[in-house]
N, C-alpha and C. Protein backbone atom coordinates (compact mmCIF):
# COMPACT_ATOMS: atom_id res chain seq x y z
N MET A 1 -66.45 144.33 81.91
CA MET A 1 -66.87 145.32 81.67
C MET A 1 -67.13 145.76 79.62
N ARG A 2 -67.80 144.83 79.05
CA ARG A 2 -68.21 145.38 77.70
C ARG A 2 -69.04 146.45 77.12
N LEU A 3 -68.40 147.36 77.05
CA LEU A 3 -69.39 148.41 76.02
C LEU A 3 -69.80 148.33 74.42
N TRP A 4 -70.55 147.46 74.10
CA TRP A 4 -69.83 147.00 72.51
C TRP A 4 -70.23 148.62 71.72
N THR A 5 -69.36 148.21 70.59
CA THR A 5 -69.58 149.13 68.98
C THR A 5 -70.58 148.40 68.05
N LEU A 6 -71.05 147.13 68.44
CA LEU A 6 -71.87 146.95 66.80
C LEU A 6 -73.32 147.25 68.02
N HIS A 7 -75.00 147.26 67.76
CA HIS A 7 -75.80 147.61 68.17
C HIS A 7 -76.12 146.63 68.66
N PRO A 8 -77.13 147.08 69.96
CA PRO A 8 -77.64 145.69 70.63
C PRO A 8 -78.15 144.96 70.47
N ARG A 9 -78.91 144.89 68.81
CA ARG A 9 -80.28 144.01 68.48
C ARG A 9 -79.54 142.76 68.30
N TYR A 10 -78.47 142.63 68.54
CA TYR A 10 -77.25 141.54 67.90
C TYR A 10 -77.36 140.92 69.74
N LEU A 11 -76.96 141.23 70.44
CA LEU A 11 -76.97 140.66 71.67
C LEU A 11 -78.40 139.48 72.04
N ASP A 12 -77.93 138.32 72.51
CA ASP A 12 -79.24 137.82 73.06
C ASP A 12 -79.38 138.70 74.69
N ALA A 13 -80.55 137.48 75.16
CA ALA A 13 -81.45 138.04 76.17
C ALA A 13 -80.08 138.51 77.36
N LEU A 14 -79.43 137.76 77.63
CA LEU A 14 -78.55 137.56 79.16
C LEU A 14 -77.20 138.34 78.45
N GLY A 15 -77.22 138.85 77.18
CA GLY A 15 -76.02 140.11 76.48
C GLY A 15 -76.35 141.41 77.07
N LEU A 16 -77.58 141.11 76.36
CA LEU A 16 -78.86 142.46 76.78
C LEU A 16 -78.72 142.78 78.06
N VAL A 17 -79.18 141.87 78.97
CA VAL A 17 -79.43 142.67 80.46
C VAL A 17 -78.05 143.05 80.97
N ALA A 18 -76.99 142.09 80.78
CA ALA A 18 -75.54 142.64 81.32
C ALA A 18 -75.10 143.55 80.83
N LEU A 19 -75.31 144.12 79.12
CA LEU A 19 -74.88 145.76 78.82
C LEU A 19 -75.82 146.31 79.22
N TRP A 20 -76.45 146.21 79.82
CA TRP A 20 -77.19 147.78 80.68
C TRP A 20 -76.58 147.72 81.77
N ARG A 21 -76.34 146.34 82.77
CA ARG A 21 -76.35 146.57 84.30
C ARG A 21 -74.69 147.37 83.93
N GLU A 22 -73.86 147.23 82.93
CA GLU A 22 -72.58 147.44 82.75
C GLU A 22 -72.28 149.17 82.38
N ALA A 23 -73.14 149.49 81.17
CA ALA A 23 -73.41 150.42 81.21
C ALA A 23 -74.17 151.22 82.13
N LEU A 24 -75.11 150.90 83.04
CA LEU A 24 -75.43 151.99 84.04
C LEU A 24 -73.92 152.19 85.45
N LEU A 25 -73.49 151.03 85.00
CA LEU A 25 -72.18 150.85 86.23
C LEU A 25 -71.10 152.02 85.35
N ALA A 26 -71.10 152.08 84.38
CA ALA A 26 -69.96 152.97 83.49
C ALA A 26 -70.51 154.50 84.01
N ARG A 27 -71.84 154.80 83.89
CA ARG A 27 -72.76 155.95 84.10
C ARG A 27 -71.62 156.17 85.45
N LYS A 28 -72.12 155.35 86.50
CA LYS A 28 -71.83 156.07 87.98
C LYS A 28 -70.13 156.09 87.86
N VAL A 29 -69.61 155.28 87.40
CA VAL A 29 -68.18 155.32 87.05
C VAL A 29 -67.71 156.90 86.63
N LEU A 30 -68.69 157.30 85.30
CA LEU A 30 -67.65 158.34 84.36
C LEU A 30 -68.72 159.78 85.56
N ALA A 31 -69.82 159.57 86.52
CA ALA A 31 -69.92 160.68 87.28
C ALA A 31 -69.32 160.75 88.51
N GLY A 32 -68.43 159.77 88.36
CA GLY A 32 -67.35 160.01 89.82
C GLY A 32 -67.93 159.54 91.09
N LEU A 33 -69.21 158.79 90.75
CA LEU A 33 -69.62 157.96 91.90
C LEU A 33 -69.54 156.93 92.62
N THR A 34 -68.11 156.09 92.01
CA THR A 34 -67.72 154.81 92.37
C THR A 34 -66.02 155.03 92.30
N ARG A 35 -65.32 154.07 93.28
CA ARG A 35 -63.90 153.85 93.59
C ARG A 35 -63.46 152.85 92.85
N GLY A 36 -64.51 152.46 91.81
CA GLY A 36 -63.78 151.28 91.41
C GLY A 36 -64.21 151.33 90.28
N TYR A 37 -63.36 150.52 89.24
CA TYR A 37 -63.29 150.67 87.51
C TYR A 37 -63.17 152.47 86.96
N ARG A 38 -62.78 153.13 88.02
CA ARG A 38 -62.06 154.14 87.38
C ARG A 38 -61.65 154.36 86.44
N TYR A 39 -60.44 153.29 85.97
CA TYR A 39 -59.63 152.99 84.96
C TYR A 39 -59.68 152.07 84.38
N HIS A 40 -60.88 151.87 83.74
CA HIS A 40 -60.95 150.89 83.06
C HIS A 40 -61.39 151.13 81.87
N PRO A 41 -60.43 150.11 80.88
CA PRO A 41 -59.78 150.66 79.43
C PRO A 41 -61.65 150.95 78.32
N GLN A 42 -62.36 150.14 79.00
CA GLN A 42 -63.81 150.39 78.42
C GLN A 42 -64.28 152.19 77.98
N LEU A 43 -63.97 152.87 78.87
CA LEU A 43 -64.53 154.17 79.12
C LEU A 43 -63.90 155.28 78.36
N GLU A 44 -62.50 154.76 78.15
CA GLU A 44 -61.45 155.53 77.62
C GLU A 44 -62.09 156.41 76.13
N ARG A 45 -63.03 155.49 75.19
CA ARG A 45 -63.80 156.62 74.17
C ARG A 45 -65.10 157.16 75.15
N PHE A 46 -65.49 157.40 75.82
CA PHE A 46 -66.74 157.66 76.17
C PHE A 46 -65.81 159.29 76.96
N ARG A 47 -64.66 158.99 77.56
CA ARG A 47 -64.28 160.05 78.57
C ARG A 47 -63.36 160.96 77.00
N GLN A 48 -63.43 160.54 76.12
CA GLN A 48 -62.63 161.49 74.79
C GLN A 48 -63.98 162.72 74.01
N ALA A 49 -65.53 162.14 74.98
CA ALA A 49 -66.25 163.59 74.76
C ALA A 49 -66.25 164.57 74.89
N ASP A 50 -66.71 165.62 74.52
CA ASP A 50 -67.03 166.57 75.25
C ASP A 50 -67.50 166.48 76.24
N ASP A 51 -68.56 166.01 76.77
CA ASP A 51 -69.57 165.98 78.08
C ASP A 51 -69.66 163.93 78.04
N THR A 52 -69.05 163.62 78.79
CA THR A 52 -69.12 162.14 78.88
C THR A 52 -70.21 161.68 79.53
N LEU A 53 -70.84 162.17 80.30
CA LEU A 53 -72.20 161.70 80.68
C LEU A 53 -73.38 161.79 79.55
N ALA A 54 -73.06 162.83 78.66
CA ALA A 54 -73.80 162.73 77.50
C ALA A 54 -73.68 162.00 77.04
N ALA A 55 -72.37 161.67 76.62
CA ALA A 55 -72.48 160.22 75.67
C ALA A 55 -73.26 158.93 76.09
N ILE A 56 -72.89 158.82 77.65
CA ILE A 56 -73.27 157.34 78.22
C ILE A 56 -74.55 157.63 78.16
N ASP A 57 -75.37 158.53 78.29
CA ASP A 57 -76.77 158.05 78.04
C ASP A 57 -77.17 158.23 76.81
N THR A 58 -76.25 158.96 75.51
CA THR A 58 -77.06 158.67 74.17
C THR A 58 -76.66 157.00 74.13
N TYR A 59 -76.02 156.31 74.75
CA TYR A 59 -75.22 154.75 74.67
C TYR A 59 -76.20 153.81 75.02
N LEU A 60 -76.66 154.47 76.73
CA LEU A 60 -77.82 153.50 77.60
C LEU A 60 -79.11 154.02 76.74
N ALA A 61 -79.03 154.66 76.24
CA ALA A 61 -80.72 155.36 75.44
C ALA A 61 -81.27 154.15 74.46
N GLU A 62 -79.89 154.34 73.94
CA GLU A 62 -80.48 152.84 72.74
C GLU A 62 -80.47 151.61 73.18
N VAL A 63 -79.51 151.43 73.80
CA VAL A 63 -80.01 149.80 74.92
C VAL A 63 -81.66 149.65 75.38
N TRP A 64 -81.94 150.84 75.86
CA TRP A 64 -83.06 150.70 77.13
C TRP A 64 -84.11 150.20 75.48
N ALA A 65 -84.25 151.85 74.40
CA ALA A 65 -84.48 151.66 73.27
C ALA A 65 -84.87 150.07 72.94
N GLU A 66 -83.47 149.07 72.89
CA GLU A 66 -83.73 147.61 72.19
C GLU A 66 -84.55 146.55 73.45
N ALA A 67 -84.15 147.10 74.42
CA ALA A 67 -85.30 146.16 75.38
C ALA A 67 -86.22 146.65 75.28
N GLY A 68 -86.83 147.92 74.87
CA GLY A 68 -88.05 147.58 74.59
C GLY A 68 -88.68 147.18 73.73
N ARG A 69 -88.08 147.49 72.38
CA ARG A 69 -88.74 146.84 71.62
C ARG A 69 -88.67 144.97 71.62
N ARG A 70 -88.18 144.43 72.78
CA ARG A 70 -87.95 142.92 73.21
C ARG A 70 -89.23 142.91 74.11
N SER A 71 -90.15 143.92 74.73
CA SER A 71 -90.61 143.77 76.28
C SER A 71 -90.00 143.98 77.26
N TYR A 72 -88.68 144.18 76.85
CA TYR A 72 -88.11 144.08 78.65
C TYR A 72 -88.56 145.27 79.15
N ARG A 73 -88.63 145.52 80.70
CA ARG A 73 -88.74 146.75 81.47
C ARG A 73 -87.71 147.44 82.33
N PHE A 74 -86.69 147.97 81.46
CA PHE A 74 -85.64 148.80 82.06
C PHE A 74 -85.82 149.98 82.36
N ASP A 75 -85.22 150.23 83.23
CA ASP A 75 -85.71 151.58 84.21
C ASP A 75 -85.72 152.72 83.53
N ALA A 76 -85.93 153.39 82.53
CA ALA A 76 -85.40 155.00 81.99
C ALA A 76 -84.87 155.98 82.40
N GLY A 77 -85.24 155.59 83.81
CA GLY A 77 -85.29 156.89 84.70
C GLY A 77 -83.74 157.05 85.86
N LYS A 78 -83.16 155.49 84.83
CA LYS A 78 -81.77 155.56 85.56
C LYS A 78 -80.94 156.04 84.67
N ILE A 79 -81.25 156.96 83.39
CA ILE A 79 -80.46 157.54 81.96
C ILE A 79 -80.81 159.02 82.21
N GLY A 80 -79.65 160.10 82.25
CA GLY A 80 -79.53 161.51 82.01
C GLY A 80 -80.45 161.32 81.28
N ALA A 81 -80.97 163.22 80.52
CA ALA A 81 -81.53 163.43 79.76
C ALA A 81 -80.85 163.76 78.46
N GLU A 82 -79.92 164.31 78.69
CA GLU A 82 -78.75 165.07 78.03
C GLU A 82 -77.98 163.89 76.81
N ARG A 83 -78.49 164.19 75.43
CA ARG A 83 -77.40 163.13 74.48
C ARG A 83 -76.93 163.81 73.90
N LEU A 84 -75.84 162.96 73.07
CA LEU A 84 -74.80 163.66 72.16
C LEU A 84 -75.19 164.10 70.61
N THR A 85 -74.98 165.01 69.84
CA THR A 85 -75.75 165.46 69.17
C THR A 85 -74.47 165.21 67.69
N VAL A 86 -73.47 164.73 68.30
CA VAL A 86 -72.33 163.97 67.21
C VAL A 86 -71.57 163.05 68.07
N GLN A 87 -71.29 162.04 66.21
CA GLN A 87 -71.12 160.45 66.96
C GLN A 87 -69.24 160.68 67.43
N LEU A 88 -69.62 159.26 68.33
CA LEU A 88 -67.79 159.10 68.40
C LEU A 88 -67.27 158.11 67.84
N GLU A 89 -66.15 158.37 67.40
CA GLU A 89 -65.02 157.55 66.67
C GLU A 89 -65.16 156.31 66.88
N ALA A 90 -65.27 154.86 66.31
CA ALA A 90 -64.75 153.71 66.43
C ALA A 90 -64.10 153.18 65.54
N THR A 91 -63.31 152.62 65.44
CA THR A 91 -62.73 151.64 63.95
C THR A 91 -63.67 150.51 63.49
N SER A 92 -63.07 150.48 62.62
CA SER A 92 -63.43 148.90 61.87
C SER A 92 -62.65 147.94 62.46
N GLY A 93 -61.65 148.03 62.96
CA GLY A 93 -61.24 146.51 63.29
C GLY A 93 -61.73 146.29 64.81
N GLN A 94 -62.03 147.12 65.83
CA GLN A 94 -63.03 147.21 66.58
C GLN A 94 -64.10 146.42 65.93
N LEU A 95 -64.83 147.16 65.43
CA LEU A 95 -66.06 146.41 65.56
C LEU A 95 -66.37 145.19 64.70
N ALA A 96 -65.08 144.64 63.82
CA ALA A 96 -65.14 143.46 63.29
C ALA A 96 -64.16 142.30 64.66
N PHE A 97 -63.60 142.67 65.48
CA PHE A 97 -62.93 142.30 66.70
C PHE A 97 -64.42 141.99 67.02
N GLU A 98 -65.37 143.02 67.79
CA GLU A 98 -66.08 142.82 68.62
C GLU A 98 -67.25 141.75 68.01
N TRP A 99 -67.12 141.78 66.46
CA TRP A 99 -68.66 140.86 65.97
C TRP A 99 -68.11 139.36 66.47
N SER A 100 -66.49 139.34 65.71
CA SER A 100 -66.32 138.08 66.19
C SER A 100 -66.50 137.30 67.76
N HIS A 101 -65.86 138.32 68.45
CA HIS A 101 -66.47 137.73 69.48
C HIS A 101 -67.67 137.32 70.12
N LEU A 102 -68.77 138.42 69.94
CA LEU A 102 -70.09 138.03 69.99
C LEU A 102 -70.30 137.08 69.65
N ARG A 103 -70.06 136.33 68.30
CA ARG A 103 -70.33 135.42 67.55
C ARG A 103 -69.99 133.64 68.78
N ARG A 104 -68.35 134.13 68.81
CA ARG A 104 -68.01 132.91 69.50
C ARG A 104 -68.86 132.75 70.85
N LYS A 105 -69.22 133.73 72.12
CA LYS A 105 -70.00 133.72 72.51
C LYS A 105 -71.71 132.83 72.37
N LEU A 106 -72.22 133.72 71.35
CA LEU A 106 -73.59 133.17 70.97
C LEU A 106 -73.35 131.61 70.66
N ALA A 107 -72.30 131.06 69.74
CA ALA A 107 -72.54 129.93 69.79
C ALA A 107 -72.24 128.81 70.51
N LEU A 108 -72.02 129.59 71.75
CA LEU A 108 -72.00 128.78 72.85
C LEU A 108 -73.32 129.08 73.80
N ARG A 109 -73.89 130.17 74.17
CA ARG A 109 -75.04 130.60 74.72
C ARG A 109 -76.40 130.09 74.05
N ASP A 110 -75.86 130.67 73.03
CA ASP A 110 -77.34 131.18 72.05
C ASP A 110 -77.58 130.78 70.70
N PRO A 111 -77.17 129.17 70.64
CA PRO A 111 -77.09 129.08 68.56
C PRO A 111 -78.35 129.97 67.90
N VAL A 112 -79.44 129.60 68.35
CA VAL A 112 -80.92 130.23 67.88
C VAL A 112 -80.47 132.08 67.62
N LYS A 113 -80.02 132.60 68.47
CA LYS A 113 -79.68 133.92 68.09
C LYS A 113 -78.87 134.27 67.35
N LEU A 114 -77.54 133.09 67.40
CA LEU A 114 -76.26 133.65 66.14
C LEU A 114 -77.02 133.25 64.68
N ASP A 115 -77.79 132.48 64.81
CA ASP A 115 -78.51 131.64 63.18
C ASP A 115 -79.33 133.05 63.01
N GLU A 116 -79.86 133.74 63.22
CA GLU A 116 -80.94 135.15 63.36
C GLU A 116 -80.03 135.86 62.02
N PHE A 117 -78.22 135.74 62.65
CA PHE A 117 -77.58 136.70 61.93
C PHE A 117 -76.30 135.60 61.43
N ALA A 118 -76.53 134.93 60.99
CA ALA A 118 -75.80 133.99 60.15
C ALA A 118 -75.24 134.85 58.72
N GLU A 119 -75.72 135.35 57.90
CA GLU A 119 -75.65 136.05 56.58
C GLU A 119 -75.25 137.54 57.19
N VAL A 120 -75.19 138.25 58.24
CA VAL A 120 -74.88 139.37 58.36
C VAL A 120 -72.80 139.28 58.45
N VAL A 121 -72.44 139.69 57.53
CA VAL A 121 -70.69 140.09 57.85
C VAL A 121 -70.29 141.32 58.18
N THR A 122 -70.88 142.54 58.18
CA THR A 122 -70.71 143.31 59.17
C THR A 122 -72.05 143.78 59.54
N PRO A 123 -71.68 144.01 61.30
CA PRO A 123 -72.62 144.35 61.99
C PRO A 123 -73.49 145.91 61.47
N GLN A 124 -74.29 146.26 62.11
CA GLN A 124 -74.87 147.20 62.03
C GLN A 124 -74.40 148.15 63.13
N VAL A 125 -73.99 149.23 63.42
CA VAL A 125 -73.20 150.36 64.52
C VAL A 125 -74.15 150.52 65.71
N HIS A 126 -73.97 150.57 67.04
CA HIS A 126 -74.32 151.28 67.58
C HIS A 126 -74.74 152.78 67.30
N PRO A 127 -75.92 153.44 67.31
CA PRO A 127 -75.92 154.64 66.99
C PRO A 127 -75.31 155.65 66.82
N LEU A 128 -74.42 156.01 68.99
CA LEU A 128 -73.50 156.50 69.30
C LEU A 128 -72.41 156.91 68.50
N PHE A 129 -71.49 155.26 67.59
CA PHE A 129 -70.53 155.30 67.06
C PHE A 129 -70.68 155.81 65.04
N ARG A 130 -69.74 155.79 64.66
CA ARG A 130 -69.22 156.39 63.29
C ARG A 130 -67.97 156.01 63.26
N ILE A 131 -68.05 154.53 62.30
CA ILE A 131 -66.89 154.05 61.89
C ILE A 131 -66.32 154.48 61.32
N VAL A 132 -64.50 154.36 61.38
CA VAL A 132 -63.53 155.19 60.69
C VAL A 132 -62.33 153.47 60.83
N GLU A 133 -61.82 153.96 59.38
CA GLU A 133 -60.74 152.85 59.28
C GLU A 133 -59.90 152.52 60.26
N GLY A 134 -59.56 151.68 60.80
CA GLY A 134 -58.29 151.20 61.68
C GLY A 134 -58.73 150.14 62.22
N GLY A 135 -57.49 149.35 63.30
CA GLY A 135 -57.22 148.40 63.71
C GLY A 135 -58.32 148.18 65.29
N VAL A 136 -57.54 147.20 65.62
CA VAL A 136 -59.17 147.05 67.01
C VAL A 136 -58.04 148.16 67.87
N SER A 137 -59.11 148.97 68.58
CA SER A 137 -58.71 149.50 69.68
C SER A 137 -57.72 149.71 70.51
N SER A 138 -57.13 150.49 71.01
CA SER A 138 -55.91 150.40 71.70
C SER A 138 -56.41 149.99 73.22
N TRP A 139 -57.68 150.35 73.73
CA TRP A 139 -58.15 150.10 74.74
C TRP A 139 -58.38 148.52 75.09
N GLU A 140 -58.85 148.04 73.89
CA GLU A 140 -59.21 146.38 73.77
C GLU A 140 -58.02 146.12 74.03
N ARG A 141 -58.96 145.19 75.51
CA ARG A 141 -58.05 143.87 76.20
C ARG A 141 -59.12 142.35 75.38
N PRO A 142 -58.19 142.05 74.54
CA PRO A 142 -58.06 141.16 73.58
C PRO A 142 -58.08 139.48 74.48
């Protein structure tokens, strides 16, 4: 499971579809509707929110919006209506780690998509997150 800190605009088609599915699974986990993945480290930051379902729904809403910008048809009915009005913190080190990780994936899977962002040094962040100084997150499993 990978729930990216960076904006979903950078993902290739395969990555965006995978993110949608994984975030929907995360939503089920956070709602207590699964037995597996309950302790997945990627969920730690969502659990720190006052309203975990609003946090993951806010996350999913932007993934859905990115899909719409690409004319993909993701089902918005799978997302709850509540949204967070505050951002969750994410570290600059985590963002840098993810950007490097995604660039390696795109080099293999979709070099054309990688070329679109060749000039990007620091990627845009998913709107749910606010970047603070810091290293790679403790929950990351490099």
